[in-house]
């Protein structure tokens, strides 16, 4: 395993998570891609949503509930809906 893989494996928790380093961001536990533009990404994490805003976003990898994005990250927000579960 590379150092990057070791770090990502250590944090394999079933919660929304974003790791940012330089011009690379890793969004974990991505269940559904809700919005994708060159300046904003919104993903559904199961119970919550994660919004990342910035500039020049390009998705470089999307697999196994993980999304790698290159670009300049300016803001990260975690939020949930106001609706109660219907299940």
N, C-alpha and C. Protein backbone atom coordinates (compact mmCIF):
# COMPACT_ATOMS: atom_id res chain seq x y z
N UNK A 1 0.83 -1.19 0.00
CA UNK A 1 0.00 0.00 0.00
C UNK A 1 0.87 1.25 0.00
N UNK A 2 0.41 2.27 -0.70
CA UNK A 2 1.11 3.55 -0.66
C UNK A 2 0.70 4.30 0.60
N UNK A 3 1.41 5.36 0.92
CA UNK A 3 1.07 6.17 2.09
C UNK A 3 -0.34 6.72 1.95
N UNK A 4 -0.70 7.20 0.75
CA UNK A 4 -2.05 7.72 0.51
C UNK A 4 -3.09 6.66 0.79
N UNK A 5 -2.86 5.43 0.31
CA UNK A 5 -3.81 4.34 0.55
C UNK A 5 -3.91 4.00 2.03
N UNK A 6 -2.77 4.01 2.74
CA UNK A 6 -2.78 3.75 4.19
C UNK A 6 -3.61 4.77 4.93
N UNK A 7 -3.42 6.05 4.60
CA UNK A 7 -4.17 7.11 5.28
C UNK A 7 -5.66 6.97 5.00
N UNK A 8 -6.02 6.74 3.74
CA UNK A 8 -7.43 6.60 3.39
C UNK A 8 -8.05 5.38 4.04
N UNK A 9 -7.30 4.28 4.16
CA UNK A 9 -7.81 3.07 4.79
C UNK A 9 -8.05 3.29 6.28
N UNK A 10 -7.14 4.00 6.94
CA UNK A 10 -7.26 4.26 8.38
C UNK A 10 -8.54 5.01 8.74
N UNK A 11 -9.04 5.81 7.82
CA UNK A 11 -10.22 6.61 8.10
C UNK A 11 -11.49 6.03 7.47
N UNK A 12 -11.49 4.74 7.20
CA UNK A 12 -12.64 4.10 6.54
C UNK A 12 -13.80 3.96 7.52
N UNK A 13 -14.44 5.06 7.83
CA UNK A 13 -15.59 5.11 8.72
C UNK A 13 -16.80 5.43 7.86
N UNK A 14 -17.95 4.96 8.22
CA UNK A 14 -19.15 5.16 7.41
C UNK A 14 -19.78 6.53 7.64
N UNK A 15 -18.99 7.58 7.55
CA UNK A 15 -19.48 8.93 7.75
C UNK A 15 -18.98 9.81 6.61
N UNK A 16 -19.68 10.93 6.35
CA UNK A 16 -19.18 11.84 5.32
C UNK A 16 -17.78 12.33 5.69
N UNK A 17 -16.92 12.41 4.69
CA UNK A 17 -15.56 12.86 4.97
C UNK A 17 -14.95 13.43 3.71
N UNK A 18 -14.20 14.53 3.87
CA UNK A 18 -13.48 15.14 2.77
C UNK A 18 -12.05 15.39 3.23
N UNK A 19 -11.09 14.89 2.48
CA UNK A 19 -9.68 15.15 2.73
C UNK A 19 -9.18 16.07 1.62
N UNK A 20 -8.52 17.16 2.00
CA UNK A 20 -8.03 18.11 1.01
C UNK A 20 -6.53 18.30 1.22
N UNK A 21 -5.80 18.24 0.11
CA UNK A 21 -4.37 18.47 0.15
C UNK A 21 -3.98 19.16 -1.16
N UNK A 22 -3.55 20.40 -1.06
CA UNK A 22 -3.19 21.13 -2.27
C UNK A 22 -4.40 21.31 -3.17
N UNK A 23 -4.30 20.84 -4.41
CA UNK A 23 -5.40 20.95 -5.37
C UNK A 23 -6.12 19.62 -5.56
N UNK A 24 -6.02 18.73 -4.58
CA UNK A 24 -6.69 17.43 -4.65
C UNK A 24 -7.61 17.27 -3.45
N UNK A 25 -8.84 16.80 -3.72
CA UNK A 25 -9.80 16.52 -2.65
C UNK A 25 -10.29 15.09 -2.81
N UNK A 26 -10.50 14.41 -1.69
CA UNK A 26 -11.05 13.06 -1.69
C UNK A 26 -12.35 13.10 -0.91
N UNK A 27 -13.46 12.76 -1.56
CA UNK A 27 -14.76 12.66 -0.90
C UNK A 27 -15.04 11.20 -0.66
N UNK A 28 -15.28 10.83 0.59
CA UNK A 28 -15.52 9.44 0.95
C UNK A 28 -16.99 9.18 1.24
N UNK A 29 -17.37 7.92 1.15
CA UNK A 29 -18.73 7.45 1.42
C UNK A 29 -19.76 8.11 0.52
N UNK A 30 -19.41 8.25 -0.74
CA UNK A 30 -20.30 8.84 -1.74
C UNK A 30 -21.30 7.78 -2.18
N UNK A 31 -22.56 8.00 -1.88
CA UNK A 31 -23.61 7.06 -2.29
C UNK A 31 -24.28 7.50 -3.59
N UNK A 32 -24.40 8.84 -3.76
CA UNK A 32 -25.08 9.35 -4.94
C UNK A 32 -24.53 10.74 -5.26
N UNK A 33 -24.24 10.97 -6.53
CA UNK A 33 -23.80 12.27 -6.99
C UNK A 33 -25.04 13.10 -7.30
N UNK A 34 -25.22 14.21 -6.59
CA UNK A 34 -26.42 15.03 -6.74
C UNK A 34 -26.20 16.20 -7.70
N UNK A 35 -25.02 16.82 -7.66
CA UNK A 35 -24.73 17.99 -8.49
C UNK A 35 -23.24 18.00 -8.81
N UNK A 36 -22.92 18.26 -10.07
CA UNK A 36 -21.52 18.33 -10.48
C UNK A 36 -21.35 19.44 -11.50
N UNK A 37 -20.61 20.48 -11.13
CA UNK A 37 -20.23 21.54 -12.05
C UNK A 37 -18.74 21.78 -11.87
N UNK A 38 -18.18 22.71 -12.62
CA UNK A 38 -16.76 22.99 -12.46
C UNK A 38 -16.47 23.81 -11.20
N UNK A 39 -17.54 24.24 -10.49
CA UNK A 39 -17.33 25.04 -9.28
C UNK A 39 -18.06 24.49 -8.05
N UNK A 40 -18.86 23.43 -8.20
CA UNK A 40 -19.57 22.87 -7.05
C UNK A 40 -19.85 21.38 -7.25
N UNK A 41 -19.70 20.64 -6.15
CA UNK A 41 -20.03 19.22 -6.13
C UNK A 41 -20.88 18.97 -4.89
N UNK A 42 -22.02 18.31 -5.07
CA UNK A 42 -22.86 17.91 -3.95
C UNK A 42 -23.07 16.40 -4.06
N UNK A 43 -22.77 15.69 -2.97
CA UNK A 43 -22.96 14.23 -2.95
C UNK A 43 -23.82 13.86 -1.75
N UNK A 44 -24.55 12.76 -1.90
CA UNK A 44 -25.34 12.20 -0.81
C UNK A 44 -24.53 11.09 -0.17
N UNK A 45 -24.44 11.11 1.17
CA UNK A 45 -23.63 10.14 1.91
C UNK A 45 -24.44 9.10 2.66
N UNK A 46 -25.72 9.00 2.37
CA UNK A 46 -26.56 8.04 3.08
C UNK A 46 -27.53 8.73 4.01
N UNK A 47 -27.04 9.49 4.96
CA UNK A 47 -27.90 10.24 5.87
C UNK A 47 -27.66 11.74 5.75
N UNK A 48 -26.56 12.12 5.16
CA UNK A 48 -26.19 13.54 5.05
C UNK A 48 -25.72 13.85 3.63
N UNK A 49 -25.55 15.14 3.38
CA UNK A 49 -25.03 15.63 2.11
C UNK A 49 -23.72 16.35 2.37
N UNK A 50 -22.84 16.32 1.37
CA UNK A 50 -21.59 17.06 1.42
C UNK A 50 -21.54 17.96 0.21
N UNK A 51 -21.24 19.24 0.44
CA UNK A 51 -21.12 20.22 -0.63
C UNK A 51 -19.70 20.76 -0.62
N UNK A 52 -19.06 20.75 -1.79
CA UNK A 52 -17.72 21.30 -1.93
C UNK A 52 -17.78 22.36 -3.03
N UNK A 53 -17.36 23.57 -2.72
CA UNK A 53 -17.34 24.64 -3.72
C UNK A 53 -15.92 25.11 -3.93
N UNK A 54 -15.66 25.61 -5.13
CA UNK A 54 -14.32 26.08 -5.48
C UNK A 54 -14.25 26.43 -6.95
N UNK A 55 -13.12 26.12 -7.57
CA UNK A 55 -12.90 26.45 -8.98
C UNK A 55 -12.19 25.32 -9.71
N UNK A 56 -12.49 25.21 -10.99
CA UNK A 56 -11.79 24.29 -11.90
C UNK A 56 -11.85 22.83 -11.47
N UNK A 57 -13.00 22.38 -10.96
CA UNK A 57 -13.13 20.99 -10.52
C UNK A 57 -13.14 20.03 -11.70
N UNK A 58 -12.39 18.96 -11.55
CA UNK A 58 -12.38 17.85 -12.51
C UNK A 58 -12.35 16.57 -11.69
N UNK A 59 -13.32 15.69 -11.92
CA UNK A 59 -13.34 14.40 -11.23
C UNK A 59 -12.30 13.51 -11.90
N UNK A 60 -11.31 13.08 -11.13
CA UNK A 60 -10.25 12.25 -11.70
C UNK A 60 -10.47 10.77 -11.44
N UNK A 61 -11.30 10.45 -10.43
CA UNK A 61 -11.59 9.05 -10.14
C UNK A 61 -12.89 8.96 -9.35
N UNK A 62 -13.70 7.96 -9.67
CA UNK A 62 -14.94 7.71 -8.94
C UNK A 62 -15.14 6.21 -8.88
N UNK A 63 -14.92 5.63 -7.68
CA UNK A 63 -15.10 4.20 -7.51
C UNK A 63 -15.22 3.86 -6.04
N UNK A 64 -15.93 2.79 -5.76
CA UNK A 64 -16.07 2.25 -4.41
C UNK A 64 -16.39 3.33 -3.37
N UNK A 65 -17.40 4.14 -3.65
CA UNK A 65 -17.87 5.19 -2.74
C UNK A 65 -16.82 6.24 -2.45
N UNK A 66 -15.87 6.43 -3.36
CA UNK A 66 -14.82 7.43 -3.18
C UNK A 66 -14.68 8.24 -4.47
N UNK A 67 -14.57 9.57 -4.33
CA UNK A 67 -14.42 10.45 -5.47
C UNK A 67 -13.16 11.29 -5.27
N UNK A 68 -12.26 11.26 -6.25
CA UNK A 68 -11.08 12.11 -6.25
C UNK A 68 -11.32 13.26 -7.20
N UNK A 69 -11.06 14.48 -6.71
CA UNK A 69 -11.35 15.68 -7.48
C UNK A 69 -10.10 16.56 -7.47
N UNK A 70 -9.78 17.11 -8.64
CA UNK A 70 -8.71 18.11 -8.67
C UNK A 70 -9.35 19.47 -8.89
N UNK A 71 -8.72 20.51 -8.35
CA UNK A 71 -9.22 21.88 -8.44
C UNK A 71 -8.98 22.60 -7.13
N UNK A 72 -9.39 23.85 -7.08
CA UNK A 72 -9.19 24.66 -5.88
C UNK A 72 -10.43 24.61 -4.99
N UNK A 73 -10.29 24.04 -3.81
CA UNK A 73 -11.40 23.95 -2.86
C UNK A 73 -11.44 25.22 -2.02
N UNK A 74 -12.63 25.85 -1.98
CA UNK A 74 -12.80 27.08 -1.19
C UNK A 74 -13.69 26.86 0.03
N UNK A 75 -14.66 25.94 -0.07
CA UNK A 75 -15.59 25.74 1.04
C UNK A 75 -16.10 24.31 1.04
N UNK A 76 -16.25 23.75 2.24
CA UNK A 76 -16.82 22.41 2.43
C UNK A 76 -17.94 22.54 3.45
N UNK A 77 -19.13 21.99 3.10
CA UNK A 77 -20.26 22.03 4.02
C UNK A 77 -20.87 20.64 4.12
N UNK A 78 -21.26 20.26 5.33
CA UNK A 78 -21.98 19.02 5.58
C UNK A 78 -23.37 19.41 6.07
N UNK A 79 -24.42 18.81 5.49
CA UNK A 79 -25.77 19.14 5.93
C UNK A 79 -26.69 17.95 5.74
N UNK A 80 -27.86 18.03 6.37
CA UNK A 80 -28.86 16.97 6.23
C UNK A 80 -30.19 17.60 5.89
N UNK A 81 -31.14 16.78 5.48
CA UNK A 81 -32.47 17.30 5.13
C UNK A 81 -33.31 17.49 6.39
N UNK A 82 -34.35 18.24 6.27
CA UNK A 82 -35.26 18.47 7.39
C UNK A 82 -36.34 17.40 7.48
N UNK A 83 -36.48 16.59 6.42
CA UNK A 83 -37.52 15.55 6.39
C UNK A 83 -37.14 14.39 7.30
N UNK A 84 -38.15 13.81 7.93
CA UNK A 84 -37.95 12.58 8.70
C UNK A 84 -37.87 11.41 7.75
N UNK A 85 -37.20 10.34 8.18
CA UNK A 85 -37.12 9.11 7.37
C UNK A 85 -38.52 8.56 7.15
N UNK A 86 -38.79 8.11 5.94
CA UNK A 86 -40.09 7.57 5.59
C UNK A 86 -40.15 6.05 5.83
N UNK A 87 -39.00 5.44 6.19
CA UNK A 87 -38.91 3.99 6.31
C UNK A 87 -39.19 3.46 7.62
